[in-house]
């Protein structure tokens, strides 16, 4: 019998600092195709990596504006200010690089 590749896991990440209370759920073991889409994107479209993260990795979040909920997808990622989207990407990168044992299936 061969090696069985573990399934992707979902984790919930809670942000701190200026964004304390904000949290998001994402996958921690994206495929190589997803990683390439996030890191390389499309030279013609600099928003492509952010769209890819939102559409392929992001599962949910608790973000709202005065007008209502922000969709947890690529369009939602692009609607955030640069500081918040950077905090989300940084926290996700930390989780991928240093996974915790509490990640759920």
C-alpha atoms as a PDB file:
ATOM      1  CA  UNK A   1       0.000   0.000   0.000  1.00  0.00           C
ATOM      2  CA  UNK A   2       1.261   3.468  -0.872  1.00  0.00           C
ATOM      3  CA  UNK A   3       1.445   6.585   1.227  1.00  0.00           C
ATOM      4  CA  UNK A   4      -1.945   8.223   1.694  1.00  0.00           C
ATOM      5  CA  UNK A   5      -1.680  11.979   1.264  1.00  0.00           C
ATOM      6  CA  UNK A   6      -3.334  13.815   4.172  1.00  0.00           C
ATOM      7  CA  UNK A   7      -6.434  15.857   3.398  1.00  0.00           C
ATOM      8  CA  UNK A   8      -6.354  19.620   3.445  1.00  0.00           C
ATOM      9  CA  UNK A   9      -7.236  21.002   6.844  1.00  0.00           C
ATOM     10  CA  UNK A  10      -9.266  24.037   7.783  1.00  0.00           C
ATOM     11  CA  UNK A  11      -8.271  26.344  10.599  1.00  0.00           C
ATOM     12  CA  UNK A  12      -9.764  29.447  12.133  1.00  0.00           C
ATOM     13  CA  UNK A  13      -7.298  32.279  12.646  1.00  0.00           C
ATOM     14  CA  UNK A  14      -7.986  35.160  15.025  1.00  0.00           C
ATOM     15  CA  UNK A  15      -6.291  38.459  14.305  1.00  0.00           C
ATOM     16  CA  UNK A  16      -4.782  40.686  16.991  1.00  0.00           C
ATOM     17  CA  UNK A  17      -3.788  44.318  17.334  1.00  0.00           C
ATOM     18  CA  UNK A  18      -5.941  46.775  15.409  1.00  0.00           C
ATOM     19  CA  UNK A  19      -8.012  43.841  14.085  1.00  0.00           C
ATOM     20  CA  UNK A  20      -8.628  42.013  17.373  1.00  0.00           C
ATOM     21  CA  UNK A  21     -11.959  40.214  17.087  1.00  0.00           C
ATOM     22  CA  UNK A  22     -11.635  39.607  13.355  1.00  0.00           C
ATOM     23  CA  UNK A  23     -11.275  35.962  12.420  1.00  0.00           C
ATOM     24  CA  UNK A  24     -11.232  33.886   9.281  1.00  0.00           C
ATOM     25  CA  UNK A  25     -11.283  30.220   8.344  1.00  0.00           C
ATOM     26  CA  UNK A  26      -9.053  28.930   5.569  1.00  0.00           C
ATOM     27  CA  UNK A  27      -7.343  25.803   4.304  1.00  0.00           C
ATOM     28  CA  UNK A  28      -3.764  25.182   5.394  1.00  0.00           C
ATOM     29  CA  UNK A  29      -2.625  22.659   2.800  1.00  0.00           C
ATOM     30  CA  UNK A  30      -3.444  24.204  -0.558  1.00  0.00           C
ATOM     31  CA  UNK A  31      -2.439  22.391  -3.728  1.00  0.00           C
ATOM     32  CA  UNK A  32       0.635  23.526  -5.663  1.00  0.00           C
ATOM     33  CA  UNK A  33      -1.671  24.950  -8.331  1.00  0.00           C
ATOM     34  CA  UNK A  34      -3.317  27.100  -5.671  1.00  0.00           C
ATOM     35  CA  UNK A  35       0.033  28.196  -4.228  1.00  0.00           C
ATOM     36  CA  UNK A  36       1.244  29.194  -7.687  1.00  0.00           C
ATOM     37  CA  UNK A  37      -1.970  31.123  -8.327  1.00  0.00           C
ATOM     38  CA  UNK A  38      -1.551  32.956  -5.017  1.00  0.00           C
ATOM     39  CA  UNK A  39       2.150  33.700  -5.297  1.00  0.00           C
ATOM     40  CA  UNK A  40       2.626  34.186  -9.028  1.00  0.00           C
ATOM     41  CA  UNK A  41      -0.734  35.307 -10.279  1.00  0.00           C
ATOM     42  CA  UNK A  42      -1.071  36.673 -13.768  1.00  0.00           C
ATOM     43  CA  UNK A  43       1.445  39.257 -14.953  1.00  0.00           C
ATOM     44  CA  UNK A  44      -1.406  41.078 -16.665  1.00  0.00           C
ATOM     45  CA  UNK A  45      -3.585  41.278 -13.547  1.00  0.00           C
ATOM     46  CA  UNK A  46      -1.907  42.245 -10.292  1.00  0.00           C
ATOM     47  CA  UNK A  47      -5.136  41.537  -8.382  1.00  0.00           C
ATOM     48  CA  UNK A  48      -5.104  37.872  -9.463  1.00  0.00           C
ATOM     49  CA  UNK A  49      -3.178  36.509  -6.437  1.00  0.00           C
ATOM     50  CA  UNK A  50      -5.589  38.203  -4.003  1.00  0.00           C
ATOM     51  CA  UNK A  51      -8.569  36.880  -5.971  1.00  0.00           C
ATOM     52  CA  UNK A  52      -7.023  33.398  -5.941  1.00  0.00           C
ATOM     53  CA  UNK A  53      -6.505  33.498  -2.174  1.00  0.00           C
ATOM     54  CA  UNK A  54     -10.083  34.625  -1.599  1.00  0.00           C
ATOM     55  CA  UNK A  55     -11.612  32.120  -4.008  1.00  0.00           C
ATOM     56  CA  UNK A  56      -9.388  29.078  -3.397  1.00  0.00           C
ATOM     57  CA  UNK A  57      -8.161  29.277   0.217  1.00  0.00           C
ATOM     58  CA  UNK A  58     -10.556  31.466   2.198  1.00  0.00           C
ATOM     59  CA  UNK A  59     -13.551  29.572   3.584  1.00  0.00           C
ATOM     60  CA  UNK A  60     -15.301  32.143   5.785  1.00  0.00           C
ATOM     61  CA  UNK A  61     -14.790  35.174   8.026  1.00  0.00           C
ATOM     62  CA  UNK A  62     -16.690  37.467  10.369  1.00  0.00           C
ATOM     63  CA  UNK A  63     -15.986  40.755   8.575  1.00  0.00           C
ATOM     64  CA  UNK A  64     -18.682  43.385   8.118  1.00  0.00           C
ATOM     65  CA  UNK A  65     -18.985  47.001   7.042  1.00  0.00           C
ATOM     66  CA  UNK A  66     -21.698  49.472   7.995  1.00  0.00           C
ATOM     67  CA  UNK A  67     -23.549  48.175   4.914  1.00  0.00           C
ATOM     68  CA  UNK A  68     -23.454  44.516   5.982  1.00  0.00           C
ATOM     69  CA  UNK A  69     -21.318  41.395   5.644  1.00  0.00           C
ATOM     70  CA  UNK A  70     -18.250  41.329   3.419  1.00  0.00           C
ATOM     71  CA  UNK A  71     -18.286  38.250   1.189  1.00  0.00           C
ATOM     72  CA  UNK A  72     -15.524  35.749   2.007  1.00  0.00           C
ATOM     73  CA  UNK A  73     -14.150  35.442  -1.528  1.00  0.00           C
ATOM     74  CA  UNK A  74     -11.765  37.135  -3.947  1.00  0.00           C
ATOM     75  CA  UNK A  75     -13.980  40.175  -4.397  1.00  0.00           C
ATOM     76  CA  UNK A  76     -14.224  40.511  -0.625  1.00  0.00           C
ATOM     77  CA  UNK A  77     -10.435  40.343  -0.288  1.00  0.00           C
ATOM     78  CA  UNK A  78     -10.077  43.098  -2.871  1.00  0.00           C
ATOM     79  CA  UNK A  79     -12.579  45.281  -1.011  1.00  0.00           C
ATOM     80  CA  UNK A  80     -10.486  45.320   2.188  1.00  0.00           C
ATOM     81  CA  UNK A  81      -7.944  47.975   2.979  1.00  0.00           C
ATOM     82  CA  UNK A  82      -4.349  46.985   2.317  1.00  0.00           C
ATOM     83  CA  UNK A  83      -3.483  46.750   6.013  1.00  0.00           C
ATOM     84  CA  UNK A  84      -6.280  44.285   6.855  1.00  0.00           C
ATOM     85  CA  UNK A  85      -5.729  42.125   3.777  1.00  0.00           C
ATOM     86  CA  UNK A  86      -2.018  42.072   4.597  1.00  0.00           C
ATOM     87  CA  UNK A  87      -2.768  40.990   8.177  1.00  0.00           C
ATOM     88  CA  UNK A  88      -4.943  38.148   6.869  1.00  0.00           C
ATOM     89  CA  UNK A  89      -2.303  36.964   4.395  1.00  0.00           C
ATOM     90  CA  UNK A  90       0.446  37.223   7.000  1.00  0.00           C
ATOM     91  CA  UNK A  91      -1.530  35.241   9.588  1.00  0.00           C
ATOM     92  CA  UNK A  92      -2.378  32.577   6.991  1.00  0.00           C
ATOM     93  CA  UNK A  93       1.275  32.347   5.900  1.00  0.00           C
ATOM     94  CA  UNK A  94       2.324  31.863   9.525  1.00  0.00           C
ATOM     95  CA  UNK A  95      -0.213  29.052   9.921  1.00  0.00           C
ATOM     96  CA  UNK A  96       0.921  27.313   6.724  1.00  0.00           C
ATOM     97  CA  UNK A  97       4.591  27.585   7.715  1.00  0.00           C
ATOM     98  CA  UNK A  98       3.990  26.577  11.349  1.00  0.00           C
ATOM     99  CA  UNK A  99       0.817  24.461  11.486  1.00  0.00           C
ATOM    100  CA  UNK A 100      -0.764  23.848  14.855  1.00  0.00           C
ATOM    101  CA  UNK A 101      -2.034  20.439  15.888  1.00  0.00           C
ATOM    102  CA  UNK A 102      -5.556  21.774  16.530  1.00  0.00           C
ATOM    103  CA  UNK A 103      -6.429  22.176  12.823  1.00  0.00           C
ATOM    104  CA  UNK A 104      -9.689  20.420  11.971  1.00  0.00           C
ATOM    105  CA  UNK A 105     -10.344  18.112   9.016  1.00  0.00           C
END
